[in-house]
């Protein structure tokens, strides 16, 4: 449940000024509004959106939230924004939650927000897909090769798609980072330890020549079937054409997750971030 106030700026840059104004101040809306959030689900209608944004404003203020922009990718009439939302944790320290949003004006659901709920709730939450897979969506060059390697469960091919100092950040926190050939090999060996690959069905693809941002649906992890769930990832190419960084935004509970985190391939920071308002009321 993390609204990024900069999202309307992306909408406006795509040429939809009226929708951008409606997202900034729903009370003045002259066009329909609709977005999808990991906690609230689909939000439509002026009154619902206005109430939700008011809760968000209070929540960010109470947690002393600071929003750090990571990257913005424009292409094909879409935009994908990436941020790290730095929140004050229970111990007073600052923890960064990765958040991404896909803005697609041609869709009936033009704003789709992606982030993990594990750090906020202490557990994953299955989320239904927001858009359908698009058979025509195919990532180019090294990013396509990486997705093929993911689907095949091929560690060597997956790591070969990265620059020697390339990195992959998971969805749990900005500290959930693996860098360099050795760490990436360890990570992908763990990811593929369920006896197969991780095939992603692409739903949208936004490319600007440097970054490829893609929404996907995941319903299988190795030999294990999963409820279909959405996600978003961004791969940024370096000067050598290889992947310099990959960043994942989803809330999928991997069948290998407990062993993966125990091995150091990721860091569970679910206890570091403050609970959202409804969870705080439960705890009180």
Protein backbone atom coordinates (compact mmCIF):
# COMPACT_ATOMS: atom_id res chain seq x y z
CA UNK A 1 0.00 0.00 0.00
CA UNK A 2 2.56 2.52 -1.12
CA UNK A 3 1.39 5.39 -3.32
CA UNK A 4 4.13 7.30 -5.10
CA UNK A 5 3.10 10.98 -5.57
CA UNK A 6 5.38 11.18 -8.63
CA UNK A 7 3.19 8.74 -10.60
CA UNK A 8 0.91 11.54 -11.93
CA UNK A 9 4.03 13.18 -13.38
CA UNK A 10 4.59 10.08 -15.54
CA UNK A 11 0.95 10.17 -16.62
CA UNK A 12 1.31 13.81 -17.62
CA UNK A 13 4.53 13.17 -19.54
CA UNK A 14 2.59 10.60 -21.59
CA UNK A 15 0.13 13.34 -22.57
CA UNK A 16 -2.79 12.63 -20.23
CA UNK A 17 -2.92 15.87 -18.26
CA UNK A 18 -6.55 15.43 -17.15
CA UNK A 19 -5.85 11.99 -15.69
CA UNK A 20 -2.70 13.30 -14.02
CA UNK A 21 -4.71 16.10 -12.39
CA UNK A 22 -7.35 13.60 -11.26
CA UNK A 23 -4.68 11.45 -9.59
CA UNK A 24 -3.25 14.49 -7.82
CA UNK A 25 -6.64 15.77 -6.66
CA UNK A 26 -9.53 13.34 -7.25
CA UNK A 27 -12.09 15.91 -6.15
CA UNK A 28 -11.39 17.85 -9.34
CA UNK A 29 -11.50 14.81 -11.66
CA UNK A 30 -13.06 15.29 -15.07
CA UNK A 31 -12.11 11.83 -16.38
CA UNK A 32 -12.51 8.28 -14.99
CA UNK A 33 -9.72 7.12 -12.68
CA UNK A 34 -8.51 3.56 -12.06
CA UNK A 35 -5.39 2.03 -10.59
CA UNK A 36 -4.36 -1.21 -8.93
CA UNK A 37 -2.44 -1.39 -5.65
CA UNK A 38 -0.95 -4.50 -3.97
CA UNK A 39 -3.08 -4.08 -0.84
CA UNK A 40 -6.21 -2.23 -1.93
CA UNK A 41 -6.62 -4.01 -5.25
CA UNK A 42 -8.45 -2.12 -7.97
CA UNK A 43 -9.34 1.44 -7.00
CA UNK A 44 -11.82 3.33 -9.18
CA UNK A 45 -14.10 6.25 -8.63
CA UNK A 46 -13.35 9.67 -7.21
CA UNK A 47 -14.53 9.08 -3.64
CA UNK A 48 -12.67 5.83 -3.14
CA UNK A 49 -9.47 7.21 -4.61
CA UNK A 50 -9.65 10.41 -2.56
CA UNK A 51 -10.08 8.49 0.70
CA UNK A 52 -7.25 6.10 -0.15
CA UNK A 53 -4.84 8.90 -1.04
CA UNK A 54 -5.62 10.65 2.25
CA UNK A 55 -4.67 7.50 4.18
CA UNK A 56 -1.51 7.26 2.12
CA UNK A 57 -0.53 10.86 2.90
CA UNK A 58 -0.91 10.21 6.63
CA UNK A 59 0.98 6.90 6.47
CA UNK A 60 3.94 8.43 4.64
CA UNK A 61 4.11 11.35 7.07
CA UNK A 62 4.01 9.14 10.16
CA UNK A 63 6.79 6.90 8.81
CA UNK A 64 8.90 9.86 7.65
CA UNK A 65 8.89 8.37 4.18
CA UNK A 66 11.43 9.59 1.66
CA UNK A 67 11.05 8.61 -1.98
CA UNK A 68 14.21 8.07 -4.00
CA UNK A 69 13.89 7.77 -7.77
CA UNK A 70 15.75 4.85 -9.33
CA UNK A 71 14.89 5.08 -13.04
CA UNK A 72 12.10 5.86 -15.49
CA UNK A 73 11.62 3.99 -18.75
CA UNK A 74 9.47 5.38 -21.58
CA UNK A 75 8.57 3.51 -24.75
CA UNK A 76 5.65 2.33 -26.84
CA UNK A 77 3.21 4.75 -25.22
CA UNK A 78 3.96 3.40 -21.73
CA UNK A 79 6.11 4.45 -18.80
CA UNK A 80 7.60 2.43 -15.96
CA UNK A 81 8.81 4.26 -12.88
CA UNK A 82 11.03 2.77 -10.17
CA UNK A 83 11.59 4.11 -6.68
CA UNK A 84 12.92 3.13 -3.27
CA UNK A 85 10.65 4.28 -0.46
CA UNK A 86 12.75 4.80 2.65
CA UNK A 87 10.74 4.31 5.82
CA UNK A 88 11.56 4.55 9.49
CA UNK A 89 11.70 1.04 10.97
CA UNK A 90 10.76 -0.12 14.44
CA UNK A 91 14.32 0.46 15.69
CA UNK A 92 14.50 3.96 14.22
CA UNK A 93 16.68 2.87 11.32
CA UNK A 94 15.85 3.54 7.69
CA UNK A 95 14.82 0.67 5.41
CA UNK A 96 14.23 0.91 1.66
CA UNK A 97 11.21 -0.74 0.02
CA UNK A 98 11.46 -1.09 -3.80
CA UNK A 99 8.30 0.06 -5.61
CA UNK A 100 7.53 0.20 -9.33
CA UNK A 101 4.57 1.42 -11.35
CA UNK A 102 3.55 0.73 -14.93
CA UNK A 103 1.60 3.54 -16.59
CA UNK A 104 -0.29 2.34 -19.67
CA UNK A 105 -2.87 4.77 -20.99
CA UNK A 106 -4.21 2.31 -23.55
CA UNK A 107 -5.27 -0.06 -20.76
CA UNK A 108 -8.54 -0.03 -18.83
CA UNK A 109 -6.25 -0.12 -15.78
CA UNK A 110 -3.77 2.64 -16.63
CA UNK A 111 -1.76 2.63 -13.37
CA UNK A 112 -0.46 -0.65 -11.94
CA UNK A 113 1.69 -0.60 -8.79
CA UNK A 114 4.09 -3.41 -7.92
CA UNK A 115 5.88 -4.11 -4.64
CA UNK A 116 6.32 -6.91 -2.13
CA UNK A 117 4.16 -6.96 0.98
CA UNK A 118 6.54 -9.24 2.87
CA UNK A 119 8.40 -6.32 4.52
CA UNK A 120 5.14 -4.66 5.59
CA UNK A 121 3.13 -7.69 6.72
CA UNK A 122 5.77 -10.32 7.45
CA UNK A 123 4.29 -12.58 4.79
CA UNK A 124 3.66 -12.79 1.07
CA UNK A 125 0.19 -12.23 -0.34
CA UNK A 126 -1.01 -13.88 -3.53
CA UNK A 127 -2.19 -11.20 -5.95
CA UNK A 128 -4.25 -11.91 -9.04
CA UNK A 129 -2.82 -10.81 -12.40
CA UNK A 130 -3.80 -7.32 -13.49
CA UNK A 131 -3.28 -7.75 -17.24
CA UNK A 132 -3.17 -10.77 -19.49
CA UNK A 133 -0.02 -12.19 -21.09
CA UNK A 134 0.68 -10.80 -24.55
CA UNK A 135 2.07 -13.42 -26.97
CA UNK A 136 3.60 -10.65 -29.06
CA UNK A 137 5.76 -9.32 -26.19
CA UNK A 138 9.35 -10.49 -26.69
CA UNK A 139 12.38 -8.91 -25.05
CA UNK A 140 15.32 -8.18 -27.33
CA UNK A 141 18.99 -9.25 -27.34
CA UNK A 142 20.60 -10.00 -23.98
CA UNK A 143 17.41 -9.45 -21.98
CA UNK A 144 15.58 -11.98 -24.11
CA UNK A 145 18.50 -14.38 -23.64
CA UNK A 146 18.26 -13.92 -19.88
CA UNK A 147 14.52 -14.64 -19.87
CA UNK A 148 15.13 -17.75 -21.95
CA UNK A 149 17.76 -18.88 -19.45
CA UNK A 150 15.35 -18.24 -16.56
CA UNK A 151 12.69 -20.34 -18.25
CA UNK A 152 15.16 -23.16 -18.91
CA UNK A 153 16.74 -23.12 -15.46
CA UNK A 154 20.20 -22.61 -16.97
CA UNK A 155 22.49 -20.93 -14.45
CA UNK A 156 25.44 -20.56 -16.80
CA UNK A 157 23.37 -18.89 -19.52
CA UNK A 158 21.59 -16.65 -17.01
CA UNK A 159 24.83 -15.40 -15.46
CA UNK A 160 26.43 -14.98 -18.91
CA UNK A 161 23.78 -12.35 -19.69
CA UNK A 162 25.21 -10.12 -16.93
CA UNK A 163 28.30 -7.96 -17.02
CA UNK A 164 31.08 -9.28 -14.74
CA UNK A 165 30.11 -6.70 -12.12
CA UNK A 166 26.39 -6.86 -12.89
CA UNK A 167 23.79 -7.08 -10.14
CA UNK A 168 20.30 -8.38 -9.43
CA UNK A 169 18.12 -6.83 -6.74
CA UNK A 170 15.20 -8.76 -5.34
CA UNK A 171 11.83 -7.29 -4.32
CA UNK A 172 12.13 -7.36 -0.54
CA UNK A 173 14.42 -4.39 0.09
CA UNK A 174 17.12 -2.28 -1.49
CA UNK A 175 19.59 -4.46 0.46
CA UNK A 176 18.37 -7.59 -1.33
CA UNK A 177 21.25 -7.36 -3.81
CA UNK A 178 23.62 -9.88 -5.43
CA UNK A 179 26.57 -8.55 -7.39
CA UNK A 180 29.26 -10.16 -9.53
CA UNK A 181 29.59 -13.53 -11.24
CA UNK A 182 30.08 -15.53 -8.04
CA UNK A 183 27.08 -14.16 -6.17
CA UNK A 184 24.86 -14.32 -9.25
CA UNK A 185 25.86 -17.94 -9.83
CA UNK A 186 25.05 -18.81 -6.21
CA UNK A 187 21.72 -17.02 -6.49
CA UNK A 188 20.60 -18.68 -9.73
CA UNK A 189 21.69 -22.12 -8.52
CA UNK A 190 19.38 -21.55 -5.55
CA UNK A 191 16.56 -20.22 -7.72
CA UNK A 192 16.74 -23.26 -10.00
CA UNK A 193 17.06 -25.83 -7.21
CA UNK A 194 13.41 -26.92 -7.60
CA UNK A 195 14.29 -28.97 -10.65
CA UNK A 196 13.47 -26.57 -13.43
CA UNK A 197 13.28 -22.99 -14.58
CA UNK A 198 11.13 -19.97 -13.87
CA UNK A 199 9.16 -19.20 -17.03
CA UNK A 200 7.65 -15.72 -17.19
CA UNK A 201 4.68 -14.92 -19.41
CA UNK A 202 5.20 -11.32 -20.52
CA UNK A 203 2.20 -8.97 -20.39
CA UNK A 204 3.80 -5.69 -21.42
CA UNK A 205 7.23 -4.63 -22.58
CA UNK A 206 8.59 -1.07 -22.32
CA UNK A 207 12.00 -0.47 -23.88
CA UNK A 208 14.05 2.69 -24.35
CA UNK A 209 17.23 1.21 -25.84
CA UNK A 210 19.00 0.97 -22.48
CA UNK A 211 16.36 -0.50 -20.19
CA UNK A 212 13.78 -3.20 -20.76
CA UNK A 213 10.88 -3.09 -18.29
CA UNK A 214 8.40 -5.93 -18.45
CA UNK A 215 5.31 -6.95 -16.55
CA UNK A 216 4.76 -10.67 -16.30
CA UNK A 217 2.63 -13.44 -14.89
CA UNK A 218 4.34 -16.29 -13.06
CA UNK A 219 2.53 -19.58 -12.46
CA UNK A 220 5.34 -22.13 -12.21
CA UNK A 221 8.62 -22.34 -10.33
CA UNK A 222 10.64 -25.38 -11.31
CA UNK A 223 8.46 -28.43 -10.82
CA UNK A 224 6.04 -26.54 -8.57
CA UNK A 225 2.87 -24.93 -9.84
CA UNK A 226 1.87 -21.58 -8.35
CA UNK A 227 -1.31 -19.51 -8.40
CA UNK A 228 -0.88 -17.07 -11.32
CA UNK A 229 0.68 -13.91 -9.91
CA UNK A 230 1.87 -10.64 -11.43
CA UNK A 231 5.26 -8.97 -11.27
CA UNK A 232 7.44 -6.41 -12.93
CA UNK A 233 11.17 -6.43 -13.63
CA UNK A 234 13.62 -4.02 -15.21
CA UNK A 235 16.91 -4.94 -16.86
CA UNK A 236 19.39 -2.16 -17.62
CA UNK A 237 22.16 -2.73 -20.15
CA UNK A 238 25.68 -1.46 -19.65
CA UNK A 239 28.08 -0.07 -22.24
CA UNK A 240 29.15 -3.60 -23.21
CA UNK A 241 25.56 -4.54 -24.05
CA UNK A 242 25.28 -6.96 -21.13
CA UNK A 243 22.91 -6.54 -18.18
CA UNK A 244 24.39 -4.11 -15.69
CA UNK A 245 21.50 -4.37 -13.26
CA UNK A 246 18.24 -6.26 -12.93
CA UNK A 247 15.54 -5.25 -10.46
CA UNK A 248 12.50 -7.35 -9.52
CA UNK A 249 9.16 -6.17 -8.12
CA UNK A 250 6.74 -8.92 -7.13
CA UNK A 251 5.32 -10.70 -4.09
CA UNK A 252 5.81 -14.29 -5.17
CA UNK A 253 6.65 -16.77 -2.41
CA UNK A 254 9.26 -18.95 -4.05
CA UNK A 255 9.21 -22.67 -3.21
CA UNK A 256 12.94 -22.31 -2.52
CA UNK A 257 12.62 -19.15 -0.42
CA UNK A 258 13.46 -20.46 3.05
CA UNK A 259 16.60 -22.20 1.89
CA UNK A 260 17.47 -19.32 -0.42
CA UNK A 261 17.38 -16.74 2.36
CA UNK A 262 19.18 -19.05 4.78
CA UNK A 263 22.00 -19.37 2.25
CA UNK A 264 22.38 -15.59 2.11
CA UNK A 265 20.95 -15.15 -1.38
CA UNK A 266 18.43 -12.70 0.02
CA UNK A 267 17.69 -10.85 3.22
CA UNK A 268 14.36 -10.99 5.02
CA UNK A 269 13.70 -7.53 6.40
CA UNK A 270 10.04 -8.13 7.17
CA UNK A 271 10.56 -7.13 10.80
CA UNK A 272 12.38 -3.91 9.93
CA UNK A 273 9.55 -1.92 8.36
CA UNK A 274 6.56 -0.48 10.23
CA UNK A 275 3.17 -2.08 9.76
CA UNK A 276 0.61 -0.28 7.60
CA UNK A 277 -2.36 1.37 9.37
CA UNK A 278 -4.74 -1.60 9.36
CA UNK A 279 -2.05 -3.90 10.77
CA UNK A 280 -1.24 -1.42 13.50
CA UNK A 281 -4.88 -1.37 14.57
CA UNK A 282 -4.83 -5.18 14.75
CA UNK A 283 -1.67 -5.11 16.91
CA UNK A 284 -3.19 -2.55 19.27
